C-alpha atoms as a PDB file:
ATOM      1  CA  MET A   1      -0.146   0.075  -0.058  1.00  0.00           C
ATOM      2  CA  ASP A   2       1.064   3.367  -0.861  1.00  0.00           C
ATOM      3  CA  SER A   3       2.315   5.393   2.427  1.00  0.00           C
ATOM      4  CA  LYS A   4       0.015   8.457   1.163  1.00  0.00           C
ATOM      5  CA  LYS A   5      -2.927   5.867   1.125  1.00  0.00           C
ATOM      6  CA  LYS A   6      -2.052   4.647   4.825  1.00  0.00           C
ATOM      7  CA  LYS A   7      -1.469   8.100   6.272  1.00  0.00           C
ATOM      8  CA  GLY A   8      -4.070   8.325   9.417  1.00  0.00           C
ATOM      9  CA  VAL A   9      -5.341   5.130   8.907  1.00  0.00           C
ATOM     10  CA  ILE A  10      -5.738   2.306  11.584  1.00  0.00           C
ATOM     11  CA  TYR A  11      -4.928  -0.984  10.068  1.00  0.00           C
ATOM     12  CA  TYR A  12      -4.975  -4.656  11.491  1.00  0.00           C
ATOM     13  CA  GLN A  13      -3.116  -7.454   9.836  1.00  0.00           C
ATOM     14  CA  SER A  14      -5.577  -9.701  11.423  1.00  0.00           C
ATOM     15  CA  ILE A  15      -8.929  -8.702  12.578  1.00  0.00           C
ATOM     16  CA  PRO A  16      -9.561 -12.344  13.734  1.00  0.00           C
ATOM     17  CA  ALA A  17      -6.566 -12.211  15.819  1.00  0.00           C
ATOM     18  CA  GLU A  18      -7.649  -8.914  17.557  1.00  0.00           C
ATOM     19  CA  ILE A  19     -11.244 -10.438  18.151  1.00  0.00           C
ATOM     20  CA  ILE A  20      -9.612 -13.346  19.860  1.00  0.00           C
ATOM     21  CA  ARG A  21      -6.966 -10.998  21.644  1.00  0.00           C
ATOM     22  CA  LEU A  22      -9.930  -9.257  23.252  1.00  0.00           C
ATOM     23  CA  GLY A  23     -11.251 -12.382  24.604  1.00  0.00           C
ATOM     24  CA  LEU A  24     -14.400 -12.421  22.408  1.00  0.00           C
ATOM     25  CA  THR A  25     -15.901 -15.160  20.173  1.00  0.00           C
ATOM     26  CA  GLN A  26     -16.695 -14.206  16.848  1.00  0.00           C
ATOM     27  CA  GLN A  27     -20.506 -14.327  17.672  1.00  0.00           C
ATOM     28  CA  GLN A  28     -20.008 -11.819  20.495  1.00  0.00           C
ATOM     29  CA  ALA A  29     -18.056  -9.595  18.359  1.00  0.00           C
ATOM     30  CA  ALA A  30     -20.756  -9.618  15.824  1.00  0.00           C
ATOM     31  CA  ASN A  31     -23.231  -8.757  18.437  1.00  0.00           C
ATOM     32  CA  LEU A  32     -21.312  -5.934  19.684  1.00  0.00           C
ATOM     33  CA  MET A  33     -20.760  -4.738  16.286  1.00  0.00           C
ATOM     34  CA  GLY A  34     -24.497  -4.899  15.463  1.00  0.00           C
ATOM     35  CA  CYS A  35     -24.092  -7.635  12.725  1.00  0.00           C
ATOM     36  CA  SER A  36     -24.475 -11.325  12.115  1.00  0.00           C
ATOM     37  CA  ILE A  37     -21.609 -13.651  12.014  1.00  0.00           C
ATOM     38  CA  SER A  38     -21.816 -13.888   7.996  1.00  0.00           C
ATOM     39  CA  GLY A  39     -21.989 -10.062   8.257  1.00  0.00           C
ATOM     40  CA  LEU A  40     -18.824  -9.904  10.580  1.00  0.00           C
ATOM     41  CA  THR A  41     -17.217 -12.529   8.107  1.00  0.00           C
ATOM     42  CA  HIS A  42     -18.095 -10.135   5.187  1.00  0.00           C
ATOM     43  CA  ARG A  43     -16.716  -6.951   6.794  1.00  0.00           C
ATOM     44  CA  ILE A  44     -13.440  -8.804   7.516  1.00  0.00           C
ATOM     45  CA  LYS A  45     -12.948 -10.128   4.080  1.00  0.00           C
ATOM     46  CA  ALA A  46     -13.911  -6.580   2.624  1.00  0.00           C
ATOM     47  CA  ASP A  47     -10.913  -5.020   4.552  1.00  0.00           C
ATOM     48  CA  LYS A  48     -12.390  -1.506   4.684  1.00  0.00           C
ATOM     49  CA  PRO A  49     -10.858   1.207   6.651  1.00  0.00           C
ATOM     50  CA  GLN A  50     -14.003   1.857   8.363  1.00  0.00           C
ATOM     51  CA  PHE A  51     -14.107  -1.601  10.109  1.00  0.00           C
ATOM     52  CA  HIS A  52     -10.613  -1.604  11.061  1.00  0.00           C
ATOM     53  CA  LEU A  53     -11.584   1.843  12.774  1.00  0.00           C
ATOM     54  CA  ALA A  54     -14.716   0.034  14.425  1.00  0.00           C
ATOM     55  CA  ILE A  55     -12.311  -2.730  15.756  1.00  0.00           C
ATOM     56  CA  TYR A  56      -9.875  -0.243  17.178  1.00  0.00           C
ATOM     57  CA  GLY A  57     -12.863   1.486  18.886  1.00  0.00           C
ATOM     58  CA  LEU A  58     -14.124  -1.737  20.499  1.00  0.00           C
ATOM     59  CA  SER A  59     -10.856  -2.621  21.497  1.00  0.00           C
ATOM     60  CA  ASN A  60     -10.418   0.770  23.297  1.00  0.00           C
ATOM     61  CA  TYR A  61     -13.938   0.504  24.745  1.00  0.00           C
ATOM     62  CA  LEU A  62     -13.243  -2.979  26.223  1.00  0.00           C
ATOM     63  CA  GLU A  63     -10.053  -2.048  27.560  1.00  0.00           C
ATOM     64  CA  LYS A  64     -11.867   0.406  30.028  1.00  0.00           C
ATOM     65  CA  HIS A  65     -15.243  -1.363  30.602  1.00  0.00           C
ATOM     66  CA  SER A  66     -14.427  -5.277  30.622  1.00  0.00           C
ATOM     67  CA  LYS A  67     -13.112  -7.564  33.170  1.00  0.00           C
ATOM     68  CA  ARG A  68     -12.226 -10.068  30.384  1.00  0.00           C
ATOM     69  CA  TYR A  69      -9.941  -7.918  28.310  1.00  0.00           C
ATOM     70  CA  SER A  70      -6.422  -8.420  28.846  1.00  0.00           C
ATOM     71  CA  PRO A  71      -3.837  -6.233  27.379  1.00  0.00           C
ATOM     72  CA  SER A  72      -0.871  -8.573  28.382  1.00  0.00           C
ATOM     73  CA  LYS A  73      -2.404 -11.220  26.223  1.00  0.00           C
ATOM     74  CA  GLU A  74      -0.818 -10.896  22.937  1.00  0.00           C
ATOM     75  CA  ASP A  75      -0.526 -12.567  19.507  1.00  0.00           C
ATOM     76  CA  ASN A  76       2.706 -12.534  17.849  1.00  0.00           C
ATOM     77  CA  ASN A  77       1.056 -12.298  14.398  1.00  0.00           C
ATOM     78  CA  LEU A  78      -0.973  -9.203  15.299  1.00  0.00           C
ATOM     79  CA  LYS A  79       0.062  -6.035  14.176  1.00  0.00           C
ATOM     80  CA  ARG A  80      -1.793  -2.880  14.612  1.00  0.00           C
ATOM     81  CA  TYR A  81      -0.552   0.524  12.492  1.00  0.00           C
ATOM     82  CA  VAL A  82      -1.576   3.732  13.417  1.00  0.00           C
ATOM     83  CA  ILE A  83      -0.029   6.241  11.107  1.00  0.00           C
ATOM     84  CA  ASN A  84       0.209   9.840  11.169  1.00  0.00           C
END
């Protein structure tokens, strides 16, 4: 991806890995995102910036409001880019 295109964009290398890191099942993530499992899968495959932003927002929300969220639980394949 061109660096100009990525500027200011939040991008997860693997949204499913982020969902697991958050301690959620795909069904729970779909419910929180207001869609079905197939809708969640479609959004993941579409790889649109707004869904990466939504997952980022969900991550920040759960960090503050969920006892299940564990920021120390990491996946080596998870990469989140925030480019200014």
